[in-house]
Protein backbone atom coordinates (compact mmCIF):
# COMPACT_ATOMS: atom_id res chain seq x y z
CA MET A 1 30.62 24.61 6.77
CA ARG A 2 27.94 24.43 9.44
CA GLY A 3 25.18 25.36 6.95
CA TRP A 4 26.37 22.70 4.55
CA MET A 5 26.27 20.03 7.27
CA VAL A 6 22.78 21.05 8.41
CA GLY A 7 21.57 20.97 4.79
CA LEU A 8 23.03 17.49 4.35
CA ILE A 9 21.34 16.16 7.48
CA VAL A 10 17.97 17.70 6.55
CA GLY A 11 18.27 16.28 3.03
CA VAL A 12 18.99 12.77 4.31
CA VAL A 13 16.06 12.88 6.73
CA LEU A 14 13.64 14.15 4.08
CA SER A 15 14.75 11.61 1.49
CA SER A 16 14.40 8.69 3.92
CA VAL A 17 10.84 9.70 4.82
CA SER A 18 9.75 10.18 1.20
CA VAL A 19 9.77 6.42 0.55
CA SER A 20 6.70 5.96 2.72
CA TRP A 21 4.77 8.68 0.85
CA ALA A 22 4.21 6.29 -2.06
CA ILE A 23 2.26 3.81 0.08
CA ARG A 24 -1.35 4.64 0.76
CA LEU A 25 -2.92 3.82 4.09
CA PRO A 26 -6.66 3.81 4.59
CA ALA A 27 -8.22 6.65 6.55
CA PRO A 28 -8.23 6.11 10.31
CA PRO A 29 -11.38 4.44 11.59
CA THR A 30 -14.13 6.64 12.97
CA ILE A 31 -14.84 5.54 16.53
CA THR A 32 -18.25 6.50 17.86
CA GLU A 33 -18.49 4.04 20.73
CA TRP A 34 -15.82 2.55 22.98
CA ASN A 35 -16.20 -1.24 22.75
CA PRO A 36 -14.06 -4.28 21.85
CA SER A 37 -14.78 -3.79 18.14
CA ALA A 38 -13.48 -0.21 18.29
CA ILE A 39 -10.32 -1.37 20.05
CA ALA A 40 -9.79 -4.01 17.34
CA GLN A 41 -10.15 -1.36 14.61
CA ILE A 42 -7.64 0.92 16.30
CA ASN A 43 -5.19 -1.97 16.78
CA SER A 44 -5.50 -2.94 13.11
CA TYR A 45 -4.86 0.61 11.94
CA LEU A 46 -1.91 1.10 14.28
CA ARG A 47 -0.43 -2.21 13.06
CA GLN A 48 -0.61 -0.95 9.45
CA VAL A 49 1.12 2.30 10.41
CA TRP A 50 3.81 0.38 12.31
CA GLU A 51 4.44 -1.97 9.38
CA LEU A 52 4.75 0.96 7.00
CA THR A 53 7.13 2.99 9.15
CA ASN A 54 9.36 0.00 9.98
CA GLY A 55 9.69 -1.29 6.42
CA ARG A 56 7.72 -4.47 7.01
CA LEU A 57 5.01 -3.80 4.45
CA THR A 58 4.80 -6.62 1.94
CA HIS A 59 2.61 -7.08 -1.09
CA GLU A 60 0.83 -10.26 -2.04
CA VAL A 61 2.00 -12.32 -4.99
CA THR A 62 -0.68 -14.10 -7.00
CA THR A 63 -0.31 -16.60 -9.84
CA THR A 64 -3.72 -15.85 -11.35
CA ASN A 65 -4.47 -12.69 -13.29
CA PRO A 66 -6.24 -10.39 -10.79
CA ASN A 67 -8.29 -8.54 -13.43
CA GLY A 68 -11.89 -9.65 -13.05
CA SER A 69 -11.14 -12.29 -10.43
CA ARG A 70 -9.73 -10.45 -7.40
CA VAL A 71 -11.73 -7.99 -5.31
CA GLY A 72 -9.89 -4.93 -4.05
CA THR A 73 -10.21 -1.28 -3.17
CA GLN A 74 -9.03 1.37 -5.61
CA GLY A 75 -5.25 1.83 -5.22
CA ASP A 76 -4.52 -1.67 -3.86
CA LEU A 77 -1.30 -3.22 -5.18
CA VAL A 78 -0.52 -6.86 -5.93
CA PHE A 79 2.28 -8.63 -7.81
CA TYR A 80 1.15 -11.01 -10.57
CA ASN A 81 3.58 -13.91 -11.19
CA ASN A 82 3.07 -14.97 -14.79
CA SER A 83 5.39 -17.98 -15.03
CA GLY A 84 8.43 -16.24 -13.57
CA SER A 85 7.83 -12.71 -14.88
CA TYR A 86 6.38 -10.48 -12.18
CA LYS A 87 4.08 -7.58 -12.99
CA LEU A 88 2.84 -4.91 -10.61
CA CYS A 89 -0.96 -4.62 -10.74
CA VAL A 90 -3.05 -1.74 -9.37
CA ASN A 91 -6.79 -1.83 -8.67
CA ILE A 92 -8.41 0.98 -10.69
CA SER A 93 -12.06 0.24 -9.88
CA SER A 94 -14.14 3.35 -9.39
CA THR A 95 -15.39 3.39 -5.86
CA THR A 96 -18.61 4.80 -4.57
CA SER A 97 -20.22 4.65 -1.15
CA ALA A 98 -22.55 1.94 -2.45
CA SER A 99 -19.69 -0.10 -3.99
CA PRO A 100 -16.33 0.58 -2.28
CA THR A 101 -14.56 -2.36 -3.97
CA GLY A 102 -14.15 -3.69 -7.49
CA THR A 103 -12.36 -6.21 -9.67
CA THR A 104 -10.78 -3.98 -12.35
CA TRP A 105 -6.98 -4.24 -12.24
CA ARG A 106 -4.29 -2.88 -14.59
CA CYS A 107 -0.87 -4.50 -14.68
CA SER A 108 2.46 -2.99 -15.73
CA ALA A 109 3.55 -3.67 -19.29
CA ASN A 110 7.14 -4.36 -18.22
CA ALA A 111 7.89 -7.47 -16.22
CA PHE A 112 10.20 -7.67 -13.21
CA THR A 113 12.64 -10.55 -12.90
CA ALA A 114 12.30 -13.00 -10.04
CA PRO A 115 14.38 -12.15 -6.95
């Protein structure tokens, strides 16, 4: 009985953490000098981690098709509201060190209904 209970508790903990694995955070900032800019970068990163772990992460909703018009980093997510039918769009731009952002987005074929 004890083994079953421990297995249940471990399973619940692992399944509750796995939701956050789907969200991608940027790499932590590299700090080479301690100045107000470095503190601002650390605060921004810690805010993103806090929002993710506390379930406060929200995605933007746009009413214009993001493909070709919205700049983003590869892997960014946005909801596209096409007259009441919502589609999840992902930025698939190839990123290089010279061009870390792009405007190529692919949206889901199936639409979500409005909440």
